[in-house]
N, C-alpha and C. Protein backbone atom coordinates (compact mmCIF):
# COMPACT_ATOMS: atom_id res chain seq x y z
N MET A 1 5.34 2.53 17.81
CA MET A 1 5.23 0.82 17.03
C MET A 1 3.91 0.54 18.11
N ASN A 2 3.38 -0.62 16.84
CA ASN A 2 2.02 -1.45 17.67
C ASN A 2 2.15 -2.43 18.20
N ASP A 3 1.68 -2.80 19.69
CA ASP A 3 2.64 -3.62 20.52
C ASP A 3 0.73 -4.62 20.82
N HIS A 4 1.02 -5.59 21.06
CA HIS A 4 -0.22 -6.72 21.10
C HIS A 4 -0.43 -7.32 22.22
N GLY A 5 0.95 -7.01 22.79
CA GLY A 5 1.27 -7.08 24.45
C GLY A 5 -0.37 -6.30 25.39
N ARG A 6 -1.13 -6.85 26.47
CA ARG A 6 -1.78 -6.91 27.17
C ARG A 6 -1.22 -4.64 28.02
N SER A 7 -2.47 -4.51 27.66
CA SER A 7 -2.30 -3.86 27.97
C SER A 7 -2.78 -3.25 29.88
N ILE A 8 -1.93 -1.72 29.41
CA ILE A 8 -1.91 -0.76 31.11
C ILE A 8 -2.75 -0.52 31.82
N ARG A 9 -3.90 -0.33 31.16
CA ARG A 9 -5.09 -0.38 31.51
C ARG A 9 -6.01 -0.91 31.94
N LYS A 10 -6.32 -0.88 32.82
CA LYS A 10 -7.57 -1.60 33.36
C LYS A 10 -8.93 -0.80 32.39
N ARG A 11 -10.14 -1.79 32.77
CA ARG A 11 -11.37 -1.69 32.18
C ARG A 11 -11.68 -0.62 32.31
N THR A 12 -11.39 0.22 34.05
CA THR A 12 -12.43 0.54 34.66
C THR A 12 -11.45 1.88 34.73
N GLY A 13 -10.47 1.52 33.94
CA GLY A 13 -9.50 3.24 33.77
C GLY A 13 -8.16 3.29 34.82
N GLY A 14 -8.10 2.23 36.05
CA GLY A 14 -6.60 2.04 37.05
C GLY A 14 -6.07 1.55 35.75
N ARG A 15 -4.65 1.55 36.48
CA ARG A 15 -3.44 0.62 35.80
C ARG A 15 -2.84 0.04 36.50
N LEU A 16 -2.61 -0.66 35.35
CA LEU A 16 -2.10 -2.76 35.91
C LEU A 16 -0.44 -2.20 35.41
N ARG A 17 0.32 -2.84 36.40
CA ARG A 17 1.51 -2.80 36.52
C ARG A 17 1.78 -3.98 35.71
N PRO A 18 3.51 -3.78 34.79
CA PRO A 18 3.61 -4.45 34.03
C PRO A 18 4.28 -5.26 34.26
N ILE A 19 3.73 -6.85 34.02
CA ILE A 19 4.57 -8.25 34.47
C ILE A 19 5.72 -8.03 33.72
N ALA A 20 5.90 -8.14 32.32
CA ALA A 20 7.34 -9.17 31.85
C ALA A 20 7.46 -7.09 31.34
N LYS A 21 9.20 -6.91 30.61
CA LYS A 21 9.31 -6.32 28.81
C LYS A 21 8.45 -6.76 27.42
N ARG A 22 7.96 -5.48 26.71
CA ARG A 22 8.00 -6.52 25.49
C ARG A 22 8.51 -7.07 25.08
N LYS A 23 8.20 -8.65 24.13
CA LYS A 23 8.37 -8.95 23.63
C LYS A 23 8.68 -8.74 21.78
N LYS A 24 10.11 -9.32 21.01
CA LYS A 24 9.29 -9.10 19.61
C LYS A 24 8.33 -10.07 18.85
N HIS A 25 7.65 -10.78 19.79
CA HIS A 25 6.56 -11.75 19.40
C HIS A 25 5.37 -10.96 18.85
N GLN A 26 5.43 -10.15 20.21
CA GLN A 26 4.76 -8.94 20.21
C GLN A 26 4.19 -7.57 19.28
N LEU A 27 5.02 -7.33 18.49
CA LEU A 27 5.45 -6.00 17.76
C LEU A 27 4.06 -6.48 17.33
N GLY A 28 3.77 -5.49 16.48
CA GLY A 28 2.69 -5.50 15.30
C GLY A 28 3.38 -4.36 14.02
N ARG A 29 2.87 -3.91 12.82
CA ARG A 29 3.13 -3.47 11.78
C ARG A 29 2.31 -2.54 11.54
N GLN A 30 2.93 -2.11 10.38
CA GLN A 30 1.64 -1.04 9.95
C GLN A 30 0.45 -1.50 8.94
N PRO A 31 -0.71 -1.35 8.81
CA PRO A 31 -1.93 -1.58 8.59
C PRO A 31 -1.64 -2.08 7.08
N THR A 32 -1.77 -2.64 6.63
CA THR A 32 -1.24 -2.99 4.23
C THR A 32 -3.20 -2.13 4.48
N GLU A 33 -2.45 -1.03 3.79
CA GLU A 33 -4.20 -0.23 3.40
C GLU A 33 -4.34 -0.71 2.10
N THR A 34 -5.03 -2.05 1.56
CA THR A 34 -5.33 -2.24 0.07
C THR A 34 -5.97 -1.10 -0.73
N GLN A 35 -5.70 -0.32 -2.20
CA GLN A 35 -6.38 0.32 -2.69
C GLN A 35 -6.51 -0.95 -4.04
N VAL A 36 -7.93 -0.25 -4.74
CA VAL A 36 -7.76 -0.48 -5.85
C VAL A 36 -6.42 0.86 -7.10
N GLY A 37 -6.55 -0.28 -7.60
CA GLY A 37 -5.22 0.03 -8.55
C GLY A 37 -4.83 -0.55 -9.84
N GLU A 38 -3.55 -0.56 -9.99
CA GLU A 38 -2.72 -2.30 -10.51
C GLU A 38 -2.03 -2.54 -9.71
N LYS A 39 -1.95 -3.76 -10.30
CA LYS A 39 -1.67 -4.86 -9.72
C LYS A 39 -0.13 -4.85 -9.11
N LYS A 40 0.06 -4.59 -7.47
CA LYS A 40 1.22 -4.58 -6.66
C LYS A 40 1.00 -5.57 -5.13
N PHE A 41 1.86 -6.33 -4.79
CA PHE A 41 2.08 -6.94 -3.90
C PHE A 41 3.37 -7.37 -3.15
N LYS A 42 3.67 -7.49 -1.74
CA LYS A 42 5.41 -7.33 -0.85
C LYS A 42 4.94 -8.10 -0.31
N THR A 43 6.32 -9.24 -0.13
CA THR A 43 5.86 -10.49 0.33
C THR A 43 6.36 -9.97 2.02
N VAL A 44 6.04 -10.74 3.06
CA VAL A 44 6.57 -10.12 4.33
C VAL A 44 7.22 -11.05 4.77
N ASN A 45 8.00 -11.27 5.32
CA ASN A 45 8.18 -12.27 6.70
C ASN A 45 8.10 -12.65 7.58
N ALA A 46 6.99 -13.87 8.22
CA ALA A 46 6.18 -14.53 9.24
C ALA A 46 6.49 -15.36 10.48
N ARG A 47 5.80 -15.03 11.06
CA ARG A 47 6.87 -15.91 12.67
C ARG A 47 6.08 -17.39 11.92
N GLY A 48 7.42 -18.07 12.13
CA GLY A 48 7.07 -19.33 11.72
C GLY A 48 8.05 -20.00 10.68
N ASN A 49 9.18 -19.26 10.11
CA ASN A 49 9.62 -19.32 9.02
C ASN A 49 8.70 -19.16 7.60
N SER A 50 7.64 -18.29 7.51
CA SER A 50 6.94 -18.22 5.90
C SER A 50 6.80 -17.65 6.07
N GLN A 51 6.06 -17.21 5.22
CA GLN A 51 5.85 -15.96 3.94
C GLN A 51 4.45 -15.05 4.37
N LYS A 52 4.32 -13.97 3.82
CA LYS A 52 2.66 -13.44 3.98
C LYS A 52 2.89 -12.67 2.64
N VAL A 53 1.48 -12.81 1.66
CA VAL A 53 1.96 -12.01 0.71
C VAL A 53 0.69 -10.86 0.68
N ARG A 54 1.27 -9.93 1.27
CA ARG A 54 -0.06 -8.38 1.00
C ARG A 54 -0.27 -7.62 -0.21
N ALA A 55 -1.17 -7.62 -0.13
CA ALA A 55 -1.21 -6.67 -1.14
C ALA A 55 -1.34 -5.65 -1.56
N ILE A 56 -0.78 -4.78 -1.62
CA ILE A 56 -0.55 -3.18 -1.59
C ILE A 56 -1.84 -2.73 -2.76
N SER A 57 -2.27 -2.93 -3.98
CA SER A 57 -2.79 -2.84 -4.62
C SER A 57 -3.14 -3.29 -5.24
N THR A 58 -5.01 -4.03 -5.96
CA THR A 58 -5.17 -4.63 -7.14
C THR A 58 -5.93 -4.37 -8.00
N ASP A 59 -6.21 -5.02 -8.55
CA ASP A 59 -8.34 -4.78 -9.42
C ASP A 59 -8.77 -5.80 -9.84
N VAL A 60 -8.53 -6.73 -9.36
CA VAL A 60 -8.74 -7.61 -9.39
C VAL A 60 -9.73 -8.49 -8.47
N ALA A 61 -10.88 -9.14 -8.40
CA ALA A 61 -11.56 -9.57 -7.28
C ALA A 61 -12.30 -11.13 -8.09
N SER A 62 -12.02 -12.22 -7.08
CA SER A 62 -12.69 -13.43 -6.68
C SER A 62 -14.27 -13.62 -6.30
N VAL A 63 -15.61 -12.85 -7.33
CA VAL A 63 -16.13 -13.79 -6.69
C VAL A 63 -17.30 -14.67 -6.92
N SER A 64 -18.06 -14.39 -6.26
CA SER A 64 -18.29 -15.81 -5.77
C SER A 64 -20.03 -16.01 -6.17
N ILE A 65 -20.88 -16.44 -7.66
CA ILE A 65 -22.42 -16.38 -7.17
C ILE A 65 -22.56 -17.30 -7.45
N ASP A 66 -24.43 -17.60 -6.44
CA ASP A 66 -24.32 -18.70 -6.42
C ASP A 66 -23.23 -20.18 -6.42
N GLY A 67 -22.33 -20.13 -5.70
CA GLY A 67 -22.06 -21.39 -5.58
C GLY A 67 -20.50 -21.10 -6.69
N GLU A 68 -20.54 -20.36 -8.13
CA GLU A 68 -19.63 -19.92 -8.68
C GLU A 68 -18.41 -18.99 -8.42
N VAL A 69 -17.33 -19.72 -9.32
CA VAL A 69 -16.14 -18.29 -8.78
C VAL A 69 -16.23 -17.98 -10.01
N ARG A 70 -16.21 -15.79 -10.89
CA ARG A 70 -15.45 -15.64 -11.50
C ARG A 70 -14.21 -14.44 -11.13
N SER A 71 -13.35 -14.72 -11.50
CA SER A 71 -12.08 -13.12 -11.33
C SER A 71 -13.19 -12.53 -12.34
N THR A 72 -13.27 -11.18 -11.98
CA THR A 72 -13.72 -9.88 -12.18
C THR A 72 -12.61 -8.81 -11.81
N GLU A 73 -12.96 -7.31 -12.29
CA GLU A 73 -12.12 -6.10 -12.48
C GLU A 73 -13.12 -5.41 -10.86
N ILE A 74 -12.65 -5.00 -10.15
CA ILE A 74 -12.77 -4.08 -9.58
C ILE A 74 -13.14 -2.27 -10.08
N GLU A 75 -14.03 -1.78 -9.91
CA GLU A 75 -14.20 -0.55 -10.53
C GLU A 75 -13.81 0.38 -9.23
N ASP A 76 -15.20 0.22 -7.99
CA ASP A 76 -15.08 1.39 -6.57
C ASP A 76 -15.41 0.32 -5.40
N VAL A 77 -14.66 1.60 -5.01
CA VAL A 77 -15.54 1.18 -3.33
C VAL A 77 -16.10 1.60 -2.99
N ILE A 78 -17.44 1.65 -2.46
CA ILE A 78 -18.81 2.01 -2.24
C ILE A 78 -19.06 2.01 -0.62
N GLU A 79 -18.93 1.28 -0.24
CA GLU A 79 -18.66 1.62 1.55
C GLU A 79 -18.37 0.21 1.74
N ASN A 80 -17.05 0.64 3.42
CA ASN A 80 -16.47 0.82 4.21
C ASN A 80 -16.97 1.10 5.37
N PRO A 81 -17.17 -0.62 6.12
CA PRO A 81 -17.08 -0.34 7.60
C PRO A 81 -16.53 -0.27 8.66
N ALA A 82 -15.61 -0.47 7.71
CA ALA A 82 -14.42 -0.10 9.46
C ALA A 82 -14.03 1.41 9.12
N ASN A 83 -13.70 2.55 8.19
CA ASN A 83 -13.75 3.42 7.98
C ASN A 83 -14.37 4.18 7.02
N PRO A 84 -15.07 5.13 7.52
CA PRO A 84 -15.67 6.26 6.32
C PRO A 84 -15.02 6.40 4.71
N ASN A 85 -13.15 7.22 5.64
CA ASN A 85 -12.04 7.60 5.07
C ASN A 85 -12.41 6.84 4.00
N TYR A 86 -12.50 5.18 4.18
CA TYR A 86 -11.58 4.25 3.24
C TYR A 86 -12.20 4.24 1.73
N VAL A 87 -13.38 4.77 1.65
CA VAL A 87 -14.56 5.15 0.10
C VAL A 87 -13.81 5.82 -0.02
N ARG A 88 -13.42 6.83 0.44
CA ARG A 88 -13.28 8.52 -0.34
C ARG A 88 -11.57 7.81 -1.07
N ARG A 89 -10.63 6.91 0.01
CA ARG A 89 -9.74 6.52 -0.76
C ARG A 89 -9.35 5.44 -1.47
N ASN A 90 -10.03 4.63 -1.76
CA ASN A 90 -10.28 4.01 -2.76
C ASN A 90 -9.59 2.13 -1.41
N ILE A 91 -9.81 2.35 -0.30
CA ILE A 91 -9.52 1.10 0.59
C ILE A 91 -10.30 -0.07 0.81
N ILE A 92 -9.97 -1.65 0.44
CA ILE A 92 -10.66 -2.46 0.42
C ILE A 92 -9.70 -3.10 2.12
N THR A 93 -10.97 -3.35 2.62
CA THR A 93 -11.18 -3.63 3.53
C THR A 93 -11.51 -5.23 3.73
N LYS A 94 -11.28 -6.76 4.91
CA LYS A 94 -12.69 -7.15 5.07
C LYS A 94 -14.02 -6.23 5.52
N GLY A 95 -14.51 -6.92 4.89
CA GLY A 95 -16.62 -6.35 5.31
C GLY A 95 -16.49 -5.39 4.07
N ALA A 96 -15.98 -4.82 3.20
CA ALA A 96 -16.26 -3.76 2.19
C ALA A 96 -17.22 -3.80 0.91
N LEU A 97 -17.84 -3.29 0.77
CA LEU A 97 -18.60 -3.55 -0.68
C LEU A 97 -17.98 -2.64 -1.95
N ILE A 98 -17.78 -2.97 -2.45
CA ILE A 98 -17.12 -3.19 -3.72
C ILE A 98 -17.82 -2.81 -4.88
N GLN A 99 -18.02 -2.23 -6.01
CA GLN A 99 -18.68 -1.99 -7.20
C GLN A 99 -17.39 -3.27 -7.91
N THR A 100 -18.25 -4.44 -8.98
CA THR A 100 -16.56 -5.18 -9.68
C THR A 100 -18.45 -5.00 -10.83
N GLY A 101 -17.40 -5.88 -11.80
CA GLY A 101 -18.55 -5.91 -13.78
C GLY A 101 -19.47 -7.14 -13.08
N GLU A 102 -19.46 -8.01 -12.55
CA GLU A 102 -20.86 -8.73 -11.90
C GLU A 102 -21.74 -7.52 -11.51
N GLY A 103 -21.40 -6.21 -10.89
CA GLY A 103 -22.67 -6.19 -9.99
C GLY A 103 -21.56 -5.96 -7.83
N THR A 104 -22.60 -4.88 -7.44
CA THR A 104 -21.76 -5.25 -5.97
C THR A 104 -21.77 -6.38 -5.64
N ALA A 105 -20.56 -6.67 -4.49
CA ALA A 105 -20.32 -8.30 -4.09
C ALA A 105 -19.15 -7.20 -2.20
N ARG A 106 -19.29 -8.32 -1.56
CA ARG A 106 -19.08 -7.42 -0.68
C ARG A 106 -17.68 -8.89 -0.37
N VAL A 107 -16.66 -7.81 -0.02
CA VAL A 107 -14.78 -8.70 0.98
C VAL A 107 -15.75 -9.46 1.64
N THR A 108 -14.43 -10.98 1.40
CA THR A 108 -14.73 -12.22 2.38
C THR A 108 -13.76 -12.09 3.30
N SER A 109 -12.41 -11.62 2.27
CA SER A 109 -10.78 -12.39 2.55
C SER A 109 -10.35 -10.25 2.99
N ARG A 110 -9.20 -11.34 3.47
CA ARG A 110 -7.96 -10.16 4.17
C ARG A 110 -7.05 -9.48 3.39
N PRO A 111 -7.10 -8.62 2.06
CA PRO A 111 -6.14 -8.43 1.41
C PRO A 111 -5.26 -7.64 1.98
N GLY A 112 -4.54 -7.41 2.58
CA GLY A 112 -3.65 -7.02 3.62
C GLY A 112 -3.23 -7.70 4.14
N GLN A 113 -3.59 -9.19 4.98
CA GLN A 113 -2.84 -10.10 5.44
C GLN A 113 -2.59 -11.42 4.02
N ASP A 114 -3.15 -11.92 3.57
CA ASP A 114 -3.24 -12.99 2.71
C ASP A 114 -2.93 -12.61 0.64
N GLY A 115 -3.65 -11.24 0.37
CA GLY A 115 -3.13 -11.36 -0.89
C GLY A 115 -4.20 -10.44 -2.11
N GLN A 116 -5.02 -11.11 -2.01
CA GLN A 116 -6.84 -11.51 -2.94
C GLN A 116 -7.19 -10.99 -1.98
N VAL A 117 -8.48 -10.69 -3.53
CA VAL A 117 -9.68 -10.40 -2.71
C VAL A 117 -10.46 -11.30 -3.24
N ASN A 118 -10.99 -12.30 -2.08
CA ASN A 118 -12.11 -12.81 -2.33
C ASN A 118 -13.37 -12.26 -2.13
N ALA A 119 -14.90 -12.50 -2.59
CA ALA A 119 -15.72 -11.31 -2.93
C ALA A 119 -17.10 -12.25 -2.78
N VAL A 120 -18.73 -11.90 -1.97
CA VAL A 120 -19.52 -12.43 -2.41
C VAL A 120 -20.81 -11.95 -3.28
N ILE A 121 -21.33 -11.94 -4.44
CA ILE A 121 -22.54 -11.07 -4.88
C ILE A 121 -22.56 -10.35 -3.54
N GLU A 122 -23.23 -9.42 -3.44
CA GLU A 122 -24.82 -9.14 -2.39
C GLU A 122 -26.20 -8.69 -3.03
N GLU A 123 -26.96 -9.67 -2.38
CA GLU A 123 -29.28 -9.51 -3.41
C GLU A 123 -29.41 -8.12 -3.16
């Protein structure tokens, strides 16, 4: 269970007594680890009667080159500061370096949250 409420520990390691029980809106979900591959999306109900489209896997990125946006194919994940194991598993998160048809690009969007990969070419 992913609880996004207040921690029960202080910065010093001391214990904080809970003020209230956990609430439904404080629950989180497992992270969507977007992989490089055939396009696959999932729609999830979000708070406020809205929906989120999560990218389970994708092979297309919108890459910005000098203000112009081009849609290119993702070839590989080169580096991922979120987790070194994500490179081996070809998982895309925000901040990941990806190899595209246009060159090396850094991901600026959150594919697991908004279902698309936006990137900027690295110089």
